[in-house]
């Protein structure tokens, strides 16, 4: 009997933790990081005490909930930096990071310093900024990236990308791809004006009534 109890308790604790993280990801993605911890507990089907026992602060929950996204972000940057053509690598980073952020509003908020004291998120952001800065410098040296590009421009793109609102995640990603293509053309020293990805109907662009 004593040999079975610890395993059962560990299993329950693991199930609770998994449900909490699943609920947090869903709510953060839909509503941002302002979601109350009690609402996360309610969605996960656990009591607030259980939630706080697993994650004493929202910062801790945010870091754990977005661990996969942080790893994906790092992989995107690493692959871009490994590309022999630094301009092509930078374009890939912009396109893929915009798409990653378009899929998850909560991750964008965390990445853009909503919780600057969250060590894992801050470290992931610092790694991205330093690596992209080096990649951008190499792209400038090839003459493809405009000389006045600064890293704040990338943050500006992510902030604007965060504001995209579409009827579905798929439509939001499509709109983000078009937005990234527009940004890349703006960053290029001598834009080639290649065709843009398809446009997406956005709710804010729909006319509210007949023109007067």
N, C-alpha and C. Protein backbone atom coordinates (compact mmCIF):
# COMPACT_ATOMS: atom_id res chain seq x y z
N UNK A 1 0.83 -1.21 0.00
CA UNK A 1 0.00 0.00 0.00
C UNK A 1 0.86 1.25 0.00
N UNK A 2 1.90 1.30 0.84
CA UNK A 2 2.71 2.50 0.92
C UNK A 2 3.48 2.75 -0.37
N UNK A 3 3.73 1.69 -1.14
CA UNK A 3 4.45 1.88 -2.38
C UNK A 3 3.61 2.52 -3.45
N UNK A 4 2.25 2.43 -3.35
CA UNK A 4 1.38 2.96 -4.39
C UNK A 4 1.00 4.41 -4.14
N UNK A 5 0.93 4.84 -2.91
CA UNK A 5 0.45 6.19 -2.61
C UNK A 5 1.33 7.28 -3.21
N UNK A 6 2.65 7.25 -3.04
CA UNK A 6 3.47 8.31 -3.62
C UNK A 6 3.31 8.42 -5.13
N UNK A 7 3.25 7.25 -5.83
CA UNK A 7 3.09 7.30 -7.27
C UNK A 7 1.78 7.95 -7.66
N UNK A 8 0.71 7.64 -6.89
CA UNK A 8 -0.60 8.22 -7.18
C UNK A 8 -0.58 9.73 -6.96
N UNK A 9 0.06 10.16 -5.87
CA UNK A 9 0.15 11.58 -5.59
C UNK A 9 0.95 12.30 -6.67
N UNK A 10 2.06 11.65 -7.09
CA UNK A 10 2.86 12.27 -8.15
C UNK A 10 2.07 12.38 -9.43
N UNK A 11 1.28 11.36 -9.75
CA UNK A 11 0.47 11.37 -10.96
C UNK A 11 -0.57 12.48 -10.90
N UNK A 12 -1.24 12.64 -9.76
CA UNK A 12 -2.22 13.71 -9.61
C UNK A 12 -1.56 15.08 -9.76
N UNK A 13 -0.40 15.22 -9.14
CA UNK A 13 0.29 16.50 -9.22
C UNK A 13 0.70 16.82 -10.66
N UNK A 14 1.15 15.81 -11.38
CA UNK A 14 1.53 16.02 -12.77
C UNK A 14 0.32 16.38 -13.63
N UNK A 15 -0.81 15.72 -13.37
CA UNK A 15 -2.04 16.03 -14.11
C UNK A 15 -2.48 17.46 -13.84
N UNK A 16 -2.44 17.86 -12.58
CA UNK A 16 -2.82 19.23 -12.23
C UNK A 16 -1.92 20.24 -12.92
N UNK A 17 -0.63 19.97 -12.89
CA UNK A 17 0.33 20.88 -13.51
C UNK A 17 0.07 21.00 -15.01
N UNK A 18 -0.19 19.88 -15.66
CA UNK A 18 -0.44 19.88 -17.10
C UNK A 18 -1.71 20.66 -17.42
N UNK A 19 -2.77 20.48 -16.60
CA UNK A 19 -4.02 21.19 -16.85
C UNK A 19 -3.84 22.70 -16.63
N UNK A 20 -3.08 23.06 -15.61
CA UNK A 20 -2.84 24.48 -15.34
C UNK A 20 -2.10 25.12 -16.51
N UNK A 21 -1.07 24.47 -17.02
CA UNK A 21 -0.30 25.03 -18.13
C UNK A 21 -1.14 25.11 -19.40
N UNK A 22 -1.96 24.11 -19.64
CA UNK A 22 -2.83 24.12 -20.81
C UNK A 22 -3.83 25.27 -20.73
N UNK A 23 -4.42 25.45 -19.56
CA UNK A 23 -5.38 26.54 -19.37
C UNK A 23 -4.68 27.89 -19.49
N UNK A 24 -3.50 28.02 -18.91
CA UNK A 24 -2.77 29.29 -18.97
C UNK A 24 -2.42 29.65 -20.41
N UNK A 25 -1.94 28.68 -21.17
CA UNK A 25 -1.58 28.96 -22.57
C UNK A 25 -2.81 29.42 -23.36
N UNK A 26 -3.94 28.74 -23.17
CA UNK A 26 -5.15 29.09 -23.90
C UNK A 26 -5.64 30.49 -23.53
N UNK A 27 -5.66 30.81 -22.25
CA UNK A 27 -6.16 32.11 -21.81
C UNK A 27 -5.19 33.23 -22.15
N UNK A 28 -3.89 33.00 -21.96
CA UNK A 28 -2.91 34.02 -22.32
C UNK A 28 -2.96 34.31 -23.81
N UNK A 29 -3.10 33.25 -24.61
CA UNK A 29 -3.13 33.41 -26.05
C UNK A 29 -4.33 34.23 -26.50
N UNK A 30 -5.48 33.97 -25.87
CA UNK A 30 -6.72 34.64 -26.28
C UNK A 30 -6.84 36.04 -25.69
N UNK A 31 -6.44 36.21 -24.42
CA UNK A 31 -6.75 37.44 -23.70
C UNK A 31 -5.54 38.21 -23.21
N UNK A 32 -4.33 37.70 -23.45
CA UNK A 32 -3.15 38.39 -22.96
C UNK A 32 -2.83 38.01 -21.53
N UNK A 33 -1.86 38.68 -20.95
CA UNK A 33 -1.35 38.29 -19.64
C UNK A 33 -2.12 38.87 -18.46
N UNK A 34 -3.15 39.64 -18.73
CA UNK A 34 -3.92 40.23 -17.63
C UNK A 34 -4.96 39.28 -17.05
N UNK A 35 -5.03 38.07 -17.59
CA UNK A 35 -5.99 37.08 -17.08
C UNK A 35 -5.71 36.81 -15.60
N UNK A 36 -6.71 36.89 -14.73
CA UNK A 36 -6.48 36.62 -13.30
C UNK A 36 -6.07 35.17 -13.06
N UNK A 37 -5.25 34.96 -12.07
CA UNK A 37 -4.82 33.61 -11.71
C UNK A 37 -6.02 32.75 -11.32
N UNK A 38 -7.01 33.34 -10.69
CA UNK A 38 -8.21 32.57 -10.31
C UNK A 38 -8.95 32.04 -11.54
N UNK A 39 -8.94 32.81 -12.62
CA UNK A 39 -9.60 32.36 -13.84
C UNK A 39 -8.84 31.19 -14.46
N UNK A 40 -7.51 31.24 -14.36
CA UNK A 40 -6.70 30.13 -14.86
C UNK A 40 -6.99 28.87 -14.04
N UNK A 41 -7.07 29.02 -12.72
CA UNK A 41 -7.39 27.88 -11.86
C UNK A 41 -8.76 27.31 -12.19
N UNK A 42 -9.74 28.20 -12.41
CA UNK A 42 -11.09 27.74 -12.74
C UNK A 42 -11.10 26.96 -14.04
N UNK A 43 -10.40 27.50 -15.07
CA UNK A 43 -10.35 26.81 -16.37
C UNK A 43 -9.64 25.45 -16.25
N UNK A 44 -8.63 25.39 -15.38
CA UNK A 44 -7.88 24.15 -15.22
C UNK A 44 -8.60 23.14 -14.35
N UNK A 45 -9.65 23.58 -13.64
CA UNK A 45 -10.38 22.67 -12.77
C UNK A 45 -9.66 22.36 -11.48
N UNK A 46 -8.87 23.33 -10.99
CA UNK A 46 -8.17 23.15 -9.72
C UNK A 46 -8.48 24.35 -8.83
N UNK A 47 -8.20 24.23 -7.55
CA UNK A 47 -8.38 25.33 -6.64
C UNK A 47 -7.22 26.31 -6.72
N UNK A 48 -7.46 27.56 -6.32
CA UNK A 48 -6.36 28.55 -6.31
C UNK A 48 -5.16 28.09 -5.51
N UNK A 49 -5.40 27.38 -4.40
CA UNK A 49 -4.29 26.93 -3.57
C UNK A 49 -3.39 25.96 -4.36
N UNK A 50 -4.01 25.09 -5.14
CA UNK A 50 -3.23 24.16 -5.96
C UNK A 50 -2.42 24.91 -7.00
N UNK A 51 -3.04 25.89 -7.62
CA UNK A 51 -2.34 26.68 -8.62
C UNK A 51 -1.12 27.36 -8.02
N UNK A 52 -1.31 28.04 -6.88
CA UNK A 52 -0.20 28.77 -6.27
C UNK A 52 0.86 27.84 -5.68
N UNK A 53 0.46 26.63 -5.33
CA UNK A 53 1.45 25.67 -4.86
C UNK A 53 2.38 25.26 -6.00
N UNK A 54 1.83 25.13 -7.19
CA UNK A 54 2.65 24.77 -8.36
C UNK A 54 3.40 25.97 -8.91
N UNK A 55 2.73 27.13 -8.93
CA UNK A 55 3.31 28.34 -9.51
C UNK A 55 3.04 29.51 -8.56
N UNK A 56 3.98 29.82 -7.68
CA UNK A 56 3.76 30.84 -6.64
C UNK A 56 3.47 32.23 -7.19
N UNK A 57 3.96 32.54 -8.40
CA UNK A 57 3.73 33.85 -9.00
C UNK A 57 3.30 33.69 -10.45
N UNK A 58 2.66 34.74 -10.97
CA UNK A 58 2.28 34.70 -12.38
C UNK A 58 3.53 34.67 -13.27
N UNK A 59 4.61 35.35 -12.83
CA UNK A 59 5.84 35.31 -13.60
C UNK A 59 6.33 33.89 -13.81
N UNK A 60 6.27 33.07 -12.75
CA UNK A 60 6.71 31.69 -12.86
C UNK A 60 5.82 30.91 -13.83
N UNK A 61 4.53 31.18 -13.78
CA UNK A 61 3.60 30.50 -14.68
C UNK A 61 3.85 30.93 -16.13
N UNK A 62 4.07 32.20 -16.35
CA UNK A 62 4.34 32.71 -17.69
C UNK A 62 5.59 32.04 -18.27
N UNK A 63 6.65 31.99 -17.49
CA UNK A 63 7.91 31.41 -17.97
C UNK A 63 7.72 29.95 -18.37
N UNK A 64 6.99 29.20 -17.56
CA UNK A 64 6.78 27.78 -17.86
C UNK A 64 5.82 27.60 -19.03
N UNK A 65 4.78 28.42 -19.08
CA UNK A 65 3.79 28.29 -20.14
C UNK A 65 4.39 28.56 -21.51
N UNK A 66 5.37 29.46 -21.57
CA UNK A 66 5.93 29.85 -22.85
C UNK A 66 7.32 29.27 -23.10
N UNK A 67 7.68 28.23 -22.35
CA UNK A 67 9.00 27.62 -22.53
C UNK A 67 9.18 27.09 -23.95
N UNK A 68 8.14 26.46 -24.50
CA UNK A 68 8.25 25.92 -25.85
C UNK A 68 8.41 27.03 -26.88
N UNK A 69 7.66 28.14 -26.70
CA UNK A 69 7.78 29.26 -27.64
C UNK A 69 9.17 29.89 -27.58
N UNK A 70 9.72 29.99 -26.37
CA UNK A 70 11.07 30.55 -26.24
C UNK A 70 12.10 29.67 -26.94
N UNK A 71 11.94 28.36 -26.80
CA UNK A 71 12.85 27.44 -27.48
C UNK A 71 12.69 27.55 -29.00
N UNK A 72 11.43 27.68 -29.45
CA UNK A 72 11.18 27.83 -30.89
C UNK A 72 11.79 29.12 -31.41
N UNK A 73 11.67 30.19 -30.63
CA UNK A 73 12.23 31.48 -31.02
C UNK A 73 13.74 31.38 -31.16
N UNK A 74 14.37 30.71 -30.23
CA UNK A 74 15.83 30.54 -30.28
C UNK A 74 16.22 29.72 -31.50
N UNK A 75 15.46 28.68 -31.80
CA UNK A 75 15.77 27.84 -32.96
C UNK A 75 15.64 28.64 -34.26
N UNK A 76 14.63 29.51 -34.35
CA UNK A 76 14.46 30.36 -35.53
C UNK A 76 15.68 31.25 -35.72
N UNK A 77 16.12 31.88 -34.65
CA UNK A 77 17.28 32.78 -34.72
C UNK A 77 18.54 32.00 -35.09
N UNK A 78 18.73 30.83 -34.49
CA UNK A 78 19.92 30.03 -34.79
C UNK A 78 19.95 29.63 -36.26
N UNK A 79 18.80 29.23 -36.80
CA UNK A 79 18.75 28.83 -38.20
C UNK A 79 19.00 30.02 -39.11
N UNK A 80 18.46 31.19 -38.75
CA UNK A 80 18.70 32.39 -39.55
C UNK A 80 20.16 32.78 -39.55
N UNK A 81 20.80 32.69 -38.40
CA UNK A 81 22.22 33.04 -38.30
C UNK A 81 23.11 32.04 -39.05
N UNK A 82 22.64 30.81 -39.18
CA UNK A 82 23.42 29.79 -39.88
C UNK A 82 23.30 29.89 -41.40
N UNK A 83 22.33 30.66 -41.88
CA UNK A 83 22.14 30.84 -43.33
C UNK A 83 23.36 31.56 -43.92
N UNK A 84 23.96 31.00 -44.99
CA UNK A 84 25.16 31.64 -45.58
C UNK A 84 24.90 33.07 -46.06
N UNK A 85 23.71 33.35 -46.56
CA UNK A 85 23.36 34.70 -47.00
C UNK A 85 22.70 35.42 -45.83
N UNK A 86 23.39 36.39 -45.20
CA UNK A 86 22.83 37.02 -44.00
C UNK A 86 21.52 37.77 -44.26
N UNK A 87 21.35 38.36 -45.44
CA UNK A 87 20.08 39.03 -45.74
C UNK A 87 18.94 38.02 -45.78
N UNK A 88 19.17 36.92 -46.46
CA UNK A 88 18.16 35.86 -46.51
C UNK A 88 17.86 35.33 -45.11
N UNK A 89 18.91 35.17 -44.32
CA UNK A 89 18.73 34.70 -42.95
C UNK A 89 17.91 35.66 -42.13
N UNK A 90 18.17 36.97 -42.28
CA UNK A 90 17.41 37.98 -41.54
C UNK A 90 15.95 37.98 -41.96
N UNK A 91 15.70 37.84 -43.26
CA UNK A 91 14.32 37.78 -43.75
C UNK A 91 13.59 36.59 -43.15
N UNK A 92 14.26 35.46 -43.09
CA UNK A 92 13.64 34.26 -42.52
C UNK A 92 13.31 34.47 -41.05
N UNK A 93 14.22 35.11 -40.33
CA UNK A 93 13.97 35.38 -38.91
C UNK A 93 12.75 36.27 -38.73
N UNK A 94 12.68 37.36 -39.50
CA UNK A 94 11.54 38.27 -39.39
C UNK A 94 10.24 37.56 -39.72
N UNK A 95 10.22 36.81 -40.81
CA UNK A 95 9.00 36.11 -41.23
C UNK A 95 8.54 35.11 -40.17
N UNK A 96 9.47 34.30 -39.68
CA UNK A 96 9.09 33.21 -38.79
C UNK A 96 8.79 33.70 -37.37
N UNK A 97 9.51 34.73 -36.92
CA UNK A 97 9.22 35.26 -35.59
C UNK A 97 7.86 35.97 -35.59
N UNK A 98 7.56 36.69 -36.67
CA UNK A 98 6.25 37.33 -36.77
C UNK A 98 5.14 36.28 -36.73
N UNK A 99 5.34 35.18 -37.44
CA UNK A 99 4.33 34.12 -37.44
C UNK A 99 4.19 33.49 -36.06
N UNK A 100 5.33 33.23 -35.41
CA UNK A 100 5.28 32.66 -34.07
C UNK A 100 4.50 33.55 -33.12
N UNK A 101 4.75 34.85 -33.20
CA UNK A 101 4.07 35.79 -32.31
C UNK A 101 2.61 35.97 -32.71
N UNK A 102 2.30 35.85 -33.99
CA UNK A 102 0.91 36.00 -34.43
C UNK A 102 0.04 34.87 -33.89
N UNK A 103 0.64 33.74 -33.62
CA UNK A 103 -0.12 32.59 -33.12
C UNK A 103 -0.42 32.69 -31.63
N UNK A 104 0.27 33.58 -30.93
CA UNK A 104 0.12 33.59 -29.47
C UNK A 104 0.32 35.00 -28.93
N UNK A 105 -0.79 35.69 -28.67
CA UNK A 105 -0.74 37.05 -28.15
C UNK A 105 -0.02 37.12 -26.80
N UNK A 106 -0.27 36.13 -25.97
CA UNK A 106 0.35 36.13 -24.64
C UNK A 106 1.86 36.06 -24.72
N UNK A 107 2.38 35.25 -25.64
CA UNK A 107 3.82 35.15 -25.78
C UNK A 107 4.42 36.48 -26.23
N UNK A 108 3.73 37.18 -27.12
CA UNK A 108 4.21 38.49 -27.56
C UNK A 108 4.32 39.43 -26.38
N UNK A 109 3.30 39.45 -25.54
CA UNK A 109 3.32 40.34 -24.37
C UNK A 109 4.46 39.98 -23.43
N UNK A 110 4.66 38.69 -23.22
CA UNK A 110 5.76 38.26 -22.35
C UNK A 110 7.10 38.64 -22.96
N UNK A 111 7.26 38.42 -24.25
CA UNK A 111 8.51 38.71 -24.93
C UNK A 111 8.82 40.20 -24.92
N UNK A 112 7.78 41.02 -25.01
CA UNK A 112 7.98 42.47 -25.04
C UNK A 112 8.01 43.08 -23.64
N UNK A 113 8.46 42.29 -22.68
CA UNK A 113 8.81 42.80 -21.35
C UNK A 113 7.64 43.12 -20.45
N UNK A 114 6.51 42.45 -20.62
CA UNK A 114 5.43 42.63 -19.66
C UNK A 114 5.88 42.18 -18.28
N UNK A 115 6.73 41.14 -18.24
CA UNK A 115 7.28 40.64 -16.99
C UNK A 115 8.80 40.63 -17.09
N UNK A 116 9.43 41.80 -17.00
CA UNK A 116 10.87 41.86 -17.21
C UNK A 116 11.69 41.10 -16.18
N UNK A 117 11.10 40.78 -15.02
CA UNK A 117 11.85 40.07 -13.99
C UNK A 117 11.78 38.56 -14.15
N UNK A 118 11.08 38.08 -15.16
CA UNK A 118 11.01 36.65 -15.41
C UNK A 118 12.29 36.23 -16.11
N UNK A 119 13.15 35.52 -15.39
CA UNK A 119 14.52 35.28 -15.87
C UNK A 119 14.55 34.57 -17.21
N UNK A 120 13.75 33.53 -17.39
CA UNK A 120 13.80 32.75 -18.62
C UNK A 120 13.35 33.58 -19.81
N UNK A 121 12.28 34.34 -19.64
CA UNK A 121 11.78 35.18 -20.74
C UNK A 121 12.80 36.26 -21.06
N UNK A 122 13.34 36.91 -20.03
CA UNK A 122 14.33 37.96 -20.25
C UNK A 122 15.58 37.41 -20.95
N UNK A 123 16.02 36.22 -20.56
CA UNK A 123 17.20 35.62 -21.17
C UNK A 123 16.93 35.27 -22.63
N UNK A 124 15.73 34.77 -22.92
CA UNK A 124 15.37 34.45 -24.29
C UNK A 124 15.31 35.68 -25.17
N UNK A 125 14.75 36.75 -24.61
CA UNK A 125 14.69 38.01 -25.36
C UNK A 125 16.10 38.55 -25.61
N UNK A 126 16.96 38.52 -24.59
CA UNK A 126 18.32 39.03 -24.73
C UNK A 126 19.08 38.22 -25.79
N UNK A 127 18.91 36.91 -25.77
CA UNK A 127 19.60 36.07 -26.76
C UNK A 127 19.14 36.44 -28.17
N UNK A 128 17.84 36.63 -28.35
CA UNK A 128 17.31 36.97 -29.66
C UNK A 128 17.85 38.31 -30.15
N UNK A 129 17.83 39.30 -29.28
CA UNK A 129 18.27 40.64 -29.66
C UNK A 129 19.75 40.64 -30.05
N UNK A 130 20.59 40.01 -29.26
CA UNK A 130 22.03 40.00 -29.54
C UNK A 130 22.32 39.26 -30.85
N UNK A 131 21.67 38.11 -31.04
CA UNK A 131 21.92 37.32 -32.25
C UNK A 131 21.42 38.03 -33.50
N UNK A 132 20.24 38.64 -33.43
CA UNK A 132 19.70 39.34 -34.59
C UNK A 132 20.53 40.58 -34.90
N UNK A 133 21.05 41.24 -33.87
CA UNK A 133 21.92 42.40 -34.09
C UNK A 133 23.16 42.01 -34.89
N UNK A 134 23.76 40.89 -34.56
CA UNK A 134 24.93 40.42 -35.30
C UNK A 134 24.56 40.04 -36.73
N UNK A 135 23.41 39.39 -36.89
CA UNK A 135 22.94 39.01 -38.22
C UNK A 135 22.65 40.24 -39.06
N UNK A 136 22.02 41.26 -38.46
CA UNK A 136 21.71 42.50 -39.18
C UNK A 136 22.99 43.21 -39.62
N UNK A 137 24.01 43.21 -38.78
CA UNK A 137 25.26 43.85 -39.14
C UNK A 137 25.88 43.16 -40.36
N UNK A 138 25.82 41.85 -40.39
CA UNK A 138 26.34 41.11 -41.55
C UNK A 138 25.53 41.43 -42.80
N UNK A 139 24.21 41.56 -42.64
CA UNK A 139 23.36 41.89 -43.79
C UNK A 139 23.66 43.30 -44.30
N UNK A 140 23.96 44.23 -43.39
CA UNK A 140 24.34 45.58 -43.82
C UNK A 140 25.63 45.54 -44.64
N UNK A 141 26.55 44.72 -44.22
CA UNK A 141 27.85 44.65 -44.91
C UNK A 141 27.72 44.13 -46.32
N UNK A 142 26.65 43.38 -46.61
CA UNK A 142 26.42 42.90 -47.97
C UNK A 142 25.75 43.97 -48.84
N UNK A 143 25.25 45.03 -48.20
CA UNK A 143 24.56 46.08 -48.94
C UNK A 143 23.08 45.84 -49.13
N UNK A 144 22.56 44.73 -48.61
CA UNK A 144 21.14 44.42 -48.82
C UNK A 144 20.24 45.08 -47.78
N UNK A 145 20.72 45.22 -46.55
CA UNK A 145 19.94 45.84 -45.48
C UNK A 145 20.29 47.32 -45.40
N UNK A 146 19.27 48.15 -45.31
CA UNK A 146 19.53 49.59 -45.27
C UNK A 146 20.39 49.94 -44.07
N UNK A 147 21.24 50.93 -44.25
CA UNK A 147 22.26 51.23 -43.25
C UNK A 147 21.70 51.83 -41.98
N UNK A 148 20.49 52.39 -42.04
CA UNK A 148 19.93 53.02 -40.84
C UNK A 148 19.01 52.09 -40.05
N UNK A 149 19.01 50.80 -40.41
CA UNK A 149 18.23 49.82 -39.62
C UNK A 149 18.82 49.70 -38.23
N UNK A 150 17.94 49.69 -37.21
CA UNK A 150 18.36 49.48 -35.83
C UNK A 150 17.47 48.40 -35.22
N UNK A 151 17.94 47.81 -34.12
CA UNK A 151 17.19 46.71 -33.51
C UNK A 151 15.82 47.14 -33.00
N UNK A 152 15.69 48.41 -32.64
CA UNK A 152 14.38 48.90 -32.22
C UNK A 152 13.35 48.73 -33.32
N UNK A 153 13.80 48.69 -34.59
CA UNK A 153 12.87 48.48 -35.70
C UNK A 153 12.23 47.09 -35.62
N UNK A 154 13.00 46.11 -35.20
CA UNK A 154 12.45 44.76 -35.05
C UNK A 154 11.41 44.73 -33.94
N UNK A 155 11.72 45.39 -32.81
CA UNK A 155 10.75 45.45 -31.72
C UNK A 155 9.49 46.18 -32.17
N UNK A 156 9.67 47.24 -32.96
CA UNK A 156 8.52 47.97 -33.49
C UNK A 156 7.65 47.07 -34.35
N UNK A 157 8.28 46.23 -35.16
CA UNK A 157 7.53 45.29 -36.01
C UNK A 157 6.73 44.32 -35.15
N UNK A 158 7.34 43.80 -34.09
CA UNK A 158 6.63 42.86 -33.22
C UNK A 158 5.47 43.54 -32.50
N UNK A 159 5.66 44.77 -32.09
CA UNK A 159 4.58 45.50 -31.42
C UNK A 159 3.41 45.72 -32.38
N UNK A 160 3.73 46.08 -33.63
CA UNK A 160 2.67 46.27 -34.62
C UNK A 160 2.02 44.94 -35.00
N UNK A 161 2.83 43.90 -35.11
CA UNK A 161 2.32 42.57 -35.45
C UNK A 161 1.35 42.08 -34.39
N UNK A 162 1.61 42.44 -33.16
CA UNK A 162 0.73 42.06 -32.04
C UNK A 162 -0.68 42.62 -32.22
N UNK A 163 -0.80 43.74 -32.92
CA UNK A 163 -2.10 44.38 -33.08
C UNK A 163 -2.98 43.77 -34.15
N UNK A 164 -2.47 42.80 -34.90
CA UNK A 164 -3.27 42.19 -35.96
C UNK A 164 -4.40 41.38 -35.33
N UNK A 165 -5.62 41.62 -35.79
CA UNK A 165 -6.79 40.89 -35.31
C UNK A 165 -7.55 40.36 -36.51
N UNK A 166 -7.72 39.07 -36.57
CA UNK A 166 -8.45 38.45 -37.67
C UNK A 166 -9.47 37.47 -37.10
N UNK A 167 -10.29 36.92 -37.98
CA UNK A 167 -11.40 36.07 -37.53
C UNK A 167 -10.94 34.72 -37.01
N UNK A 168 -9.75 34.29 -37.38
CA UNK A 168 -9.23 32.99 -36.95
C UNK A 168 -7.72 33.07 -36.83
N UNK A 169 -7.15 32.06 -36.18
CA UNK A 169 -5.69 32.03 -36.07
C UNK A 169 -5.05 31.91 -37.44
N UNK A 170 -5.65 31.10 -38.31
CA UNK A 170 -5.10 30.92 -39.65
C UNK A 170 -5.08 32.24 -40.41
N UNK A 171 -6.17 32.99 -40.31
CA UNK A 171 -6.24 34.29 -40.99
C UNK A 171 -5.25 35.27 -40.37
N UNK A 172 -5.09 35.19 -39.07
CA UNK A 172 -4.15 36.08 -38.40
C UNK A 172 -2.73 35.80 -38.85
N UNK A 173 -2.39 34.53 -39.02
CA UNK A 173 -1.05 34.16 -39.49
C UNK A 173 -0.84 34.64 -40.93
N UNK A 174 -1.87 34.49 -41.77
CA UNK A 174 -1.75 34.97 -43.14
C UNK A 174 -1.53 36.48 -43.19
N UNK A 175 -2.27 37.21 -42.36
CA UNK A 175 -2.09 38.66 -42.30
C UNK A 175 -0.71 39.01 -41.80
N UNK A 176 -0.19 38.24 -40.84
CA UNK A 176 1.14 38.48 -40.31
C UNK A 176 2.20 38.26 -41.39
N UNK A 177 2.00 37.25 -42.23
CA UNK A 177 2.97 37.00 -43.30
C UNK A 177 3.02 38.17 -44.28
N UNK A 178 1.86 38.72 -44.61
CA UNK A 178 1.84 39.87 -45.51
C UNK A 178 2.52 41.08 -44.84
N UNK A 179 2.23 41.28 -43.58
CA UNK A 179 2.83 42.38 -42.84
C UNK A 179 4.35 42.23 -42.80
N UNK A 180 4.84 41.01 -42.55
CA UNK A 180 6.28 40.78 -42.51
C UNK A 180 6.91 41.06 -43.87
N UNK A 181 6.23 40.70 -44.95
CA UNK A 181 6.75 40.95 -46.29
C UNK A 181 6.85 42.45 -46.55
N UNK A 182 5.86 43.21 -46.11
CA UNK A 182 5.92 44.66 -46.25
C UNK A 182 7.09 45.25 -45.45
N UNK A 183 7.29 44.73 -44.25
CA UNK A 183 8.39 45.21 -43.40
C UNK A 183 9.74 44.91 -44.04
N UNK A 184 9.88 43.72 -44.59
CA UNK A 184 11.14 43.33 -45.21
C UNK A 184 11.45 44.24 -46.40
N UNK A 185 10.43 44.56 -47.20
CA UNK A 185 10.66 45.47 -48.32
C UNK A 185 11.09 46.85 -47.82
N UNK A 186 10.55 47.26 -46.68
CA UNK A 186 10.95 48.56 -46.12
C UNK A 186 12.37 48.53 -45.59
N UNK A 187 12.84 47.38 -45.15
CA UNK A 187 14.18 47.27 -44.59
C UNK A 187 15.25 47.12 -45.68
N UNK A 188 14.86 46.68 -46.85
CA UNK A 188 15.85 46.40 -47.89
C UNK A 188 16.40 47.70 -48.47
N UNK A 189 17.72 47.73 -48.70
CA UNK A 189 18.36 48.94 -49.21
C UNK A 189 17.84 49.30 -50.60
N UNK A 190 17.67 48.29 -51.45
CA UNK A 190 17.13 48.50 -52.81
C UNK A 190 16.02 47.48 -53.02
N UNK A 191 14.80 47.80 -52.58
CA UNK A 191 13.71 46.82 -52.62
C UNK A 191 13.44 46.29 -54.03
N UNK A 192 13.24 44.98 -54.10
CA UNK A 192 12.91 44.35 -55.38
C UNK A 192 11.41 44.34 -55.63
N UNK A 193 10.63 44.61 -54.59
CA UNK A 193 9.17 44.63 -54.69
C UNK A 193 8.63 43.33 -55.27
N UNK A 194 9.04 42.23 -54.66
CA UNK A 194 8.49 40.94 -55.06
C UNK A 194 7.03 40.89 -54.65
N UNK A 195 6.21 40.02 -55.28
CA UNK A 195 4.80 39.95 -54.93
C UNK A 195 4.59 39.65 -53.45
N UNK A 196 3.61 40.31 -52.86
CA UNK A 196 3.30 40.10 -51.46
C UNK A 196 2.45 38.84 -51.28
N UNK A 197 2.47 38.24 -50.09
CA UNK A 197 1.52 37.16 -49.79
C UNK A 197 0.09 37.67 -49.92
N UNK A 198 -0.90 36.77 -50.06
CA UNK A 198 -2.29 37.20 -50.24
C UNK A 198 -2.77 38.08 -49.09
N UNK A 199 -3.62 39.04 -49.41
CA UNK A 199 -4.23 39.89 -48.39
C UNK A 199 -5.31 39.11 -47.66
N UNK A 200 -5.59 39.53 -46.43
CA UNK A 200 -6.60 38.88 -45.59
C UNK A 200 -7.60 39.93 -45.15
N UNK A 201 -8.91 39.62 -45.21
CA UNK A 201 -9.92 40.55 -44.73
C UNK A 201 -9.85 40.61 -43.20
N UNK A 202 -9.59 41.79 -42.69
CA UNK A 202 -9.51 42.00 -41.25
C UNK A 202 -10.77 42.70 -40.77
N UNK A 203 -11.16 42.38 -39.53
CA UNK A 203 -12.42 42.93 -39.00
C UNK A 203 -12.43 44.44 -39.01
N UNK A 204 -11.30 45.05 -38.65
CA UNK A 204 -11.26 46.51 -38.55
C UNK A 204 -11.32 47.19 -39.91
N UNK A 205 -11.08 46.41 -41.00
CA UNK A 205 -11.10 47.00 -42.34
C UNK A 205 -12.48 46.90 -43.00
N UNK A 206 -13.41 46.20 -42.36
CA UNK A 206 -14.74 46.03 -42.95
C UNK A 206 -15.54 47.31 -42.77
N UNK A 207 -16.21 47.78 -43.82
CA UNK A 207 -17.02 48.99 -43.70
C UNK A 207 -18.17 48.78 -42.74
N UNK A 208 -18.46 49.78 -41.93
CA UNK A 208 -19.54 49.67 -40.94
C UNK A 208 -20.90 49.97 -41.54
N UNK A 209 -20.91 50.54 -42.71
CA UNK A 209 -22.19 50.86 -43.35
C UNK A 209 -21.94 51.55 -44.66
N UNK A 210 -22.97 51.94 -45.38
CA UNK A 210 -22.80 52.59 -46.66
C UNK A 210 -22.17 53.95 -46.48
N UNK A 211 -21.32 54.37 -47.45
CA UNK A 211 -20.68 55.68 -47.34
C UNK A 211 -21.70 56.79 -47.43
N UNK A 212 -21.40 57.88 -46.76
CA UNK A 212 -22.30 59.01 -46.77
C UNK A 212 -21.76 60.14 -47.67
